[in-house]
Protein backbone atom coordinates (compact mmCIF):
# COMPACT_ATOMS: atom_id res chain seq x y z
CA MET A 1 63.96 -15.83 -32.43
CA SER A 2 66.72 -18.38 -32.18
CA ASN A 3 67.29 -19.78 -28.69
CA ILE A 4 70.96 -20.47 -29.41
CA SER A 5 73.12 -19.14 -26.59
CA LEU A 6 75.82 -16.88 -27.97
CA THR A 7 78.86 -16.36 -25.79
CA LYS A 8 82.00 -14.30 -26.07
CA SER A 9 84.02 -17.50 -26.28
CA LYS A 10 82.11 -18.51 -29.41
CA TYR A 11 81.90 -15.02 -30.87
CA ASN A 12 85.30 -13.49 -30.43
CA LEU A 13 84.29 -9.90 -29.63
CA HIS A 14 87.67 -8.73 -28.40
CA ASN A 15 87.66 -5.25 -29.97
CA GLN A 16 85.74 -2.03 -29.62
CA TYR A 17 84.25 -2.28 -33.09
CA LYS A 18 83.89 0.97 -35.01
CA ALA A 19 81.57 -0.07 -37.83
CA ILE A 20 79.38 -2.81 -39.27
CA VAL A 21 78.97 -3.07 -43.04
CA ILE A 22 76.09 -5.09 -44.47
CA GLY A 23 75.77 -6.06 -48.13
CA GLY A 24 72.83 -7.64 -49.88
CA SER A 25 71.02 -7.98 -53.18
CA ALA A 26 68.15 -10.14 -54.44
CA GLY A 27 66.33 -11.74 -51.53
CA SER A 28 67.95 -9.58 -48.85
CA PHE A 29 65.23 -6.99 -48.24
CA GLN A 30 63.13 -9.14 -45.90
CA VAL A 31 66.26 -10.30 -44.09
CA ILE A 32 67.62 -6.81 -43.48
CA SER A 33 64.14 -5.63 -42.49
CA LYS A 34 63.96 -8.30 -39.80
CA ILE A 35 67.46 -7.48 -38.56
CA LEU A 36 66.62 -3.78 -38.31
CA GLN A 37 63.33 -4.50 -36.56
CA HIS A 38 65.10 -6.41 -33.78
CA LEU A 39 68.03 -4.04 -33.36
CA PRO A 40 68.19 -2.44 -29.87
CA GLU A 41 67.23 1.24 -29.99
CA ASP A 42 70.44 2.18 -28.16
CA PHE A 43 72.70 0.07 -30.39
CA GLN A 44 75.93 2.07 -30.62
CA VAL A 45 78.05 0.57 -33.42
CA PRO A 46 77.22 2.42 -36.65
CA ILE A 47 75.76 0.23 -39.40
CA VAL A 48 76.39 0.98 -43.07
CA MET A 49 74.26 -0.92 -45.58
CA CYS A 50 75.13 -1.32 -49.23
CA LEU A 51 72.13 -2.94 -50.91
CA HIS A 52 71.64 -3.33 -54.64
CA ARG A 53 68.71 -1.14 -55.65
CA LEU A 54 67.13 0.43 -58.72
CA LYS A 55 69.49 3.22 -59.74
CA ASP A 56 66.78 5.47 -61.18
CA VAL A 57 64.42 5.26 -58.18
CA ARG A 58 65.49 7.69 -55.45
CA ASN A 59 62.50 7.48 -53.16
CA GLY A 60 60.69 4.69 -51.38
CA PHE A 61 63.52 2.31 -50.48
CA VAL A 62 64.73 4.14 -47.36
CA GLU A 63 61.14 4.81 -46.36
CA ALA A 64 60.28 1.11 -46.64
CA LEU A 65 63.24 0.14 -44.46
CA ASN A 66 62.45 2.85 -41.91
CA ILE A 67 58.99 1.36 -41.41
CA LYS A 68 60.65 -1.83 -40.17
CA SER A 69 63.62 -0.30 -38.33
CA SER A 70 63.87 0.53 -34.65
CA LYS A 71 66.23 3.38 -35.61
CA ILE A 72 66.17 6.06 -38.32
CA ILE A 73 68.05 5.17 -41.53
CA GLU A 74 69.91 7.91 -43.37
CA GLU A 75 71.62 8.24 -46.75
CA PRO A 76 74.99 9.87 -46.05
CA GLU A 77 76.40 12.89 -47.86
CA ASP A 78 79.86 12.99 -49.41
CA LYS A 79 82.52 13.75 -46.74
CA GLU A 80 80.00 13.26 -43.92
CA GLN A 81 81.43 11.89 -40.68
CA LEU A 82 80.42 8.40 -39.54
CA ARG A 83 78.65 8.70 -36.19
CA LYS A 84 77.97 6.24 -33.39
CA GLY A 85 74.50 4.83 -33.11
CA LYS A 86 73.53 5.68 -36.69
CA ILE A 87 72.33 3.49 -39.56
CA TYR A 88 73.25 4.46 -43.10
CA LEU A 89 72.20 3.25 -46.56
CA ALA A 90 74.22 3.73 -49.74
CA PRO A 91 72.27 6.14 -52.01
CA ALA A 92 70.88 4.92 -55.32
CA ASN A 93 73.36 5.04 -58.22
CA TYR A 94 76.34 6.07 -56.06
CA HIS A 95 79.28 4.02 -54.87
CA LEU A 96 79.68 4.46 -51.11
CA GLY A 97 83.16 4.23 -49.61
CA PHE A 98 85.24 5.38 -46.66
CA GLU A 99 88.28 7.59 -46.20
CA LEU A 100 90.71 7.86 -43.30
CA GLY A 101 89.16 9.98 -40.62
CA ASN A 102 85.98 7.87 -40.72
CA THR A 103 84.28 9.92 -43.43
CA PHE A 104 82.07 8.76 -46.29
CA THR A 105 82.85 9.17 -49.96
CA LEU A 106 80.27 9.09 -52.76
CA SER A 107 81.17 8.60 -56.40
CA THR A 108 79.54 7.94 -59.75
CA GLU A 109 82.47 5.99 -61.18
CA GLU A 110 81.85 3.05 -63.49
CA MET A 111 79.76 0.16 -62.21
CA PHE A 112 81.67 -2.56 -60.39
CA ASN A 113 80.31 -6.12 -60.51
CA ASN A 114 77.55 -4.64 -62.68
CA SER A 115 76.46 -2.62 -59.67
CA ARG A 116 76.43 0.94 -58.36
CA PRO A 117 76.49 1.00 -55.41
CA ALA A 118 78.91 -1.94 -55.33
CA ILE A 119 79.21 -3.89 -52.10
CA ASP A 120 82.88 -4.63 -52.79
CA ILE A 121 83.74 -0.92 -52.87
CA THR A 122 82.03 -0.29 -49.54
CA PHE A 123 83.60 -3.35 -47.92
CA ILE A 124 87.13 -2.88 -49.31
CA THR A 125 87.36 0.78 -48.30
CA ALA A 126 85.86 0.00 -44.89
CA ALA A 127 88.47 -2.73 -44.35
CA TYR A 128 91.23 -0.25 -45.21
CA VAL A 129 89.93 2.35 -42.75
CA PHE A 130 88.67 0.24 -39.84
CA ARG A 131 90.91 -2.85 -40.13
CA ASN A 132 90.29 -5.28 -37.23
CA LYS A 133 87.57 -3.07 -35.76
CA LEU A 134 85.14 -3.87 -38.59
CA ILE A 135 82.35 -6.44 -38.91
CA GLY A 136 81.18 -7.44 -42.39
CA ILE A 137 77.84 -9.18 -43.03
CA LEU A 138 76.86 -10.50 -46.48
CA LEU A 139 73.29 -11.56 -47.22
CA SER A 140 71.34 -13.14 -50.07
CA GLY A 141 72.18 -12.04 -53.61
CA ALA A 142 72.49 -13.11 -57.22
CA ASN A 143 76.07 -12.17 -58.13
CA ARG A 144 79.58 -12.25 -56.66
CA ASP A 145 79.58 -8.67 -55.37
CA GLY A 146 80.90 -8.64 -51.82
CA ALA A 147 83.14 -11.72 -52.01
CA LEU A 148 86.33 -9.72 -52.60
CA GLY A 149 85.30 -7.22 -49.94
CA MET A 150 84.81 -10.01 -47.40
CA LYS A 151 88.26 -11.32 -48.26
CA ARG A 152 89.77 -7.90 -47.53
CA ILE A 153 87.89 -7.64 -44.22
CA ALA A 154 89.23 -11.05 -43.19
CA GLU A 155 92.77 -10.11 -44.23
CA LYS A 156 92.62 -6.99 -42.04
CA GLY A 157 91.44 -8.99 -39.03
CA GLY A 158 87.77 -8.00 -39.04
CA ILE A 159 84.85 -10.34 -38.38
CA THR A 160 83.16 -11.89 -41.43
CA ILE A 161 79.59 -13.22 -41.39
CA VAL A 162 77.49 -14.60 -44.24
CA GLN A 163 73.87 -15.64 -44.29
CA GLU A 164 73.43 -19.41 -44.34
CA PRO A 165 73.17 -20.21 -48.10
CA SER A 166 70.38 -22.75 -47.62
CA GLU A 167 68.23 -19.97 -46.11
CA CYS A 168 68.87 -17.48 -48.93
CA LEU A 169 66.39 -16.80 -51.69
CA ILE A 170 69.44 -16.66 -53.99
CA ASP A 171 72.65 -18.06 -52.52
CA THR A 172 75.21 -16.92 -55.16
CA MET A 173 76.54 -14.04 -53.09
CA PRO A 174 77.22 -15.79 -49.76
CA THR A 175 78.43 -18.94 -51.54
CA ALA A 176 81.00 -16.90 -53.49
CA ALA A 177 82.22 -15.30 -50.27
CA ILE A 178 82.55 -18.67 -48.55
CA LYS A 179 84.62 -19.90 -51.49
CA ASP A 180 86.88 -16.84 -51.78
CA ALA A 181 87.24 -15.54 -48.21
CA GLU A 182 87.88 -16.75 -44.69
CA ILE A 183 84.40 -16.57 -43.19
CA ASP A 184 84.14 -16.59 -39.42
CA TYR A 185 80.44 -17.36 -39.06
CA ILE A 186 77.75 -18.76 -41.37
CA LEU A 187 74.48 -17.82 -39.69
CA HIS A 188 70.73 -17.91 -40.20
CA THR A 189 68.88 -14.61 -39.91
CA ASP A 190 67.85 -15.19 -36.29
CA GLU A 191 71.45 -16.03 -35.42
CA ILE A 192 72.65 -12.78 -37.02
CA ILE A 193 70.11 -10.96 -34.83
CA ASP A 194 71.43 -12.80 -31.78
CA PHE A 195 75.01 -11.97 -32.77
CA LEU A 196 74.17 -8.26 -32.92
CA SER A 197 72.42 -8.54 -29.56
CA GLN A 198 75.58 -10.12 -28.11
CA LEU A 199 77.63 -7.33 -29.66
CA HIS A 200 75.33 -4.77 -28.06
CA HIS A 201 75.89 -6.34 -24.63
CA HIS A 202 79.63 -6.24 -25.27
CA TYR A 203 79.38 -2.43 -24.92
CA VAL A 204 77.05 -2.18 -21.93
């Protein structure tokens, strides 16, 4: 675990954040597993993960993440309400978005960035709904999916975080976001864990 001291002056946690969206692709599974493993059991801000996955394989992915996670991970239903303290994963072969009223939407529209679920769709719709009360985190990946979504989050006043490219198995995704969007923090995995710990203490 990083021994870097994270403070509110460094991490500008001035809002009561309503959601965290995390995107990742190739090389992100081990990173997200470690983040979930270290997440406090009473962590209250809902986390919504959009991870590129095999579209024809429905089982096994959630189960593998649940083995590592301190909290149960669920795949949301269409029109389901986002709830505090929950962790969600975009289902295989569905785009996952948000509507006003903090509800999920699922769709089988055309692939976006050669992906379904597409990180950009999750991030862009989340930025529209949650505005400056949203935190976006983009991890290792092999394409540009998520860069536009991070730009929208930044434009709406949310916090943007990318995994340090030099730590990524494949750095295309975070590098594209750094180029296209205003990124608040470029962090190693342990620093992302520390950031979430600081966020947790912001509520207690």
